[in-house]
């Protein structure tokens, strides 16, 4: 289910703000990981089609990440929430097949 549907449902149902923040925080973390993957994909692109796709994917990942950050700015965040919601780090690496 998409972030918009989940956040809209939480707001409509009178959902807990902390729950909405947690969902948004997880989506931001995932979007950042997607952006890192797209950036690495651009480094490994060789053929023109691969380069075009990598640029498209990078721009889309950046837009999604920026959109989620704008949504997060609408909330008031406490410092303890950040430490409580911190997800495990995601490490993504690519290897070029030879």
C-alpha atoms as a PDB file:
ATOM      1  CA  UNK A   1       0.000   0.000   0.000  1.00  0.00           C
ATOM      2  CA  UNK A   2       1.351   3.418  -0.912  1.00  0.00           C
ATOM      3  CA  UNK A   3       2.453   6.053   1.575  1.00  0.00           C
ATOM      4  CA  UNK A   4      -0.385   8.390   0.611  1.00  0.00           C
ATOM      5  CA  UNK A   5      -3.068   5.784   1.215  1.00  0.00           C
ATOM      6  CA  UNK A   6      -1.599   4.768   4.564  1.00  0.00           C
ATOM      7  CA  UNK A   7      -1.185   8.325   5.810  1.00  0.00           C
ATOM      8  CA  UNK A   8      -4.612   9.364   4.534  1.00  0.00           C
ATOM      9  CA  UNK A   9      -6.227   6.369   6.203  1.00  0.00           C
ATOM     10  CA  UNK A  10      -4.424   7.108   9.479  1.00  0.00           C
ATOM     11  CA  UNK A  11      -5.576  10.734   9.411  1.00  0.00           C
ATOM     12  CA  UNK A  12      -9.141   9.863   8.387  1.00  0.00           C
ATOM     13  CA  UNK A  13      -9.491   7.204  11.054  1.00  0.00           C
ATOM     14  CA  UNK A  14      -8.136   9.567  13.684  1.00  0.00           C
ATOM     15  CA  UNK A  15      -4.922   7.575  13.722  1.00  0.00           C
ATOM     16  CA  UNK A  16      -2.149   8.265  16.148  1.00  0.00           C
ATOM     17  CA  UNK A  17       0.235  10.987  15.025  1.00  0.00           C
ATOM     18  CA  UNK A  18       3.125   8.876  16.244  1.00  0.00           C
ATOM     19  CA  UNK A  19       1.974   6.052  13.961  1.00  0.00           C
ATOM     20  CA  UNK A  20       1.775   8.470  11.003  1.00  0.00           C
ATOM     21  CA  UNK A  21       5.245   9.758  11.792  1.00  0.00           C
ATOM     22  CA  UNK A  22       6.637   6.236  12.009  1.00  0.00           C
ATOM     23  CA  UNK A  23       5.169   5.316   8.608  1.00  0.00           C
ATOM     24  CA  UNK A  24       6.541   8.497   7.082  1.00  0.00           C
ATOM     25  CA  UNK A  25       9.950   7.999   8.722  1.00  0.00           C
ATOM     26  CA  UNK A  26      10.192   4.467   7.326  1.00  0.00           C
ATOM     27  CA  UNK A  27       9.173   5.690   3.870  1.00  0.00           C
ATOM     28  CA  UNK A  28      11.830   8.426   3.984  1.00  0.00           C
ATOM     29  CA  UNK A  29      14.454   5.876   4.955  1.00  0.00           C
ATOM     30  CA  UNK A  30      13.378   3.579   2.109  1.00  0.00           C
ATOM     31  CA  UNK A  31      13.331   6.485  -0.372  1.00  0.00           C
ATOM     32  CA  UNK A  32      16.861   7.441   0.650  1.00  0.00           C
ATOM     33  CA  UNK A  33      18.011   3.856   0.097  1.00  0.00           C
ATOM     34  CA  UNK A  34      16.301   3.868  -3.330  1.00  0.00           C
ATOM     35  CA  UNK A  35      18.098   7.110  -4.179  1.00  0.00           C
ATOM     36  CA  UNK A  36      21.454   5.567  -3.230  1.00  0.00           C
ATOM     37  CA  UNK A  37      20.729   2.532  -5.424  1.00  0.00           C
ATOM     38  CA  UNK A  38      19.753   4.777  -8.350  1.00  0.00           C
ATOM     39  CA  UNK A  39      22.938   6.814  -7.905  1.00  0.00           C
ATOM     40  CA  UNK A  40      25.068   3.655  -7.942  1.00  0.00           C
ATOM     41  CA  UNK A  41      23.175   2.387 -10.984  1.00  0.00           C
ATOM     42  CA  UNK A  42      24.207   5.547 -12.820  1.00  0.00           C
ATOM     43  CA  UNK A  43      27.858   4.831 -11.999  1.00  0.00           C
ATOM     44  CA  UNK A  44      27.586   1.347 -13.535  1.00  0.00           C
ATOM     45  CA  UNK A  45      25.605   2.282 -16.643  1.00  0.00           C
ATOM     46  CA  UNK A  46      27.515   1.668 -19.872  1.00  0.00           C
ATOM     47  CA  UNK A  47      25.160   1.579 -22.839  1.00  0.00           C
ATOM     48  CA  UNK A  48      22.961   4.495 -23.829  1.00  0.00           C
ATOM     49  CA  UNK A  49      19.745   2.717 -22.781  1.00  0.00           C
ATOM     50  CA  UNK A  50      21.244   1.911 -19.391  1.00  0.00           C
ATOM     51  CA  UNK A  51      22.333   5.529 -18.932  1.00  0.00           C
ATOM     52  CA  UNK A  52      18.893   6.844 -19.897  1.00  0.00           C
ATOM     53  CA  UNK A  53      17.190   4.459 -17.486  1.00  0.00           C
ATOM     54  CA  UNK A  54      19.644   5.280 -14.692  1.00  0.00           C
ATOM     55  CA  UNK A  55      19.032   9.015 -15.115  1.00  0.00           C
ATOM     56  CA  UNK A  56      15.263   8.498 -15.135  1.00  0.00           C
ATOM     57  CA  UNK A  57      15.424   6.296 -12.013  1.00  0.00           C
ATOM     58  CA  UNK A  58      17.691   8.796 -10.218  1.00  0.00           C
ATOM     59  CA  UNK A  59      15.382  11.722 -10.984  1.00  0.00           C
ATOM     60  CA  UNK A  60      12.331   9.743  -9.845  1.00  0.00           C
ATOM     61  CA  UNK A  61      14.058   8.682  -6.615  1.00  0.00           C
ATOM     62  CA  UNK A  62      15.094  12.281  -5.906  1.00  0.00           C
ATOM     63  CA  UNK A  63      11.552  13.550  -6.471  1.00  0.00           C
ATOM     64  CA  UNK A  64      10.080  10.924  -4.154  1.00  0.00           C
ATOM     65  CA  UNK A  65      12.656  11.640  -1.447  1.00  0.00           C
ATOM     66  CA  UNK A  66      12.064  15.412  -1.676  1.00  0.00           C
ATOM     67  CA  UNK A  67       8.276  14.929  -1.571  1.00  0.00           C
ATOM     68  CA  UNK A  68       8.498  12.821   1.595  1.00  0.00           C
ATOM     69  CA  UNK A  69      10.802  15.361   3.236  1.00  0.00           C
ATOM     70  CA  UNK A  70       8.271  18.107   2.489  1.00  0.00           C
ATOM     71  CA  UNK A  71       5.585  15.993   4.142  1.00  0.00           C
ATOM     72  CA  UNK A  72       7.802  15.445   7.181  1.00  0.00           C
ATOM     73  CA  UNK A  73       8.274  19.197   7.591  1.00  0.00           C
ATOM     74  CA  UNK A  74       4.551  19.498   8.276  1.00  0.00           C
ATOM     75  CA  UNK A  75       4.961  17.593  11.550  1.00  0.00           C
ATOM     76  CA  UNK A  76       6.514  18.768  14.790  1.00  0.00           C
ATOM     77  CA  UNK A  77       9.276  16.301  15.600  1.00  0.00           C
ATOM     78  CA  UNK A  78      10.722  15.753  19.048  1.00  0.00           C
ATOM     79  CA  UNK A  79      14.329  14.629  19.401  1.00  0.00           C
ATOM     80  CA  UNK A  80      13.350  11.466  21.300  1.00  0.00           C
ATOM     81  CA  UNK A  81      11.133  10.360  18.410  1.00  0.00           C
ATOM     82  CA  UNK A  82      14.061  10.330  16.021  1.00  0.00           C
ATOM     83  CA  UNK A  83      16.074   7.993  18.245  1.00  0.00           C
ATOM     84  CA  UNK A  84      13.074   5.781  18.932  1.00  0.00           C
ATOM     85  CA  UNK A  85      12.212   5.373  15.247  1.00  0.00           C
ATOM     86  CA  UNK A  86      15.721   4.911  13.892  1.00  0.00           C
ATOM     87  CA  UNK A  87      15.679   1.892  11.537  1.00  0.00           C
ATOM     88  CA  UNK A  88      18.562  -0.449  10.968  1.00  0.00           C
ATOM     89  CA  UNK A  89      21.049   0.863   8.402  1.00  0.00           C
ATOM     90  CA  UNK A  90      20.645  -0.399   4.870  1.00  0.00           C
ATOM     91  CA  UNK A  91      23.790  -1.142   2.902  1.00  0.00           C
ATOM     92  CA  UNK A  92      23.439  -1.586  -0.837  1.00  0.00           C
ATOM     93  CA  UNK A  93      26.288  -2.500  -3.157  1.00  0.00           C
ATOM     94  CA  UNK A  94      26.427  -3.351  -6.816  1.00  0.00           C
ATOM     95  CA  UNK A  95      28.919  -5.576  -8.545  1.00  0.00           C
ATOM     96  CA  UNK A  96      29.445  -5.521 -12.236  1.00  0.00           C
ATOM     97  CA  UNK A  97      29.025  -8.912 -13.825  1.00  0.00           C
ATOM     98  CA  UNK A  98      31.707  -9.706 -16.137  1.00  0.00           C
END
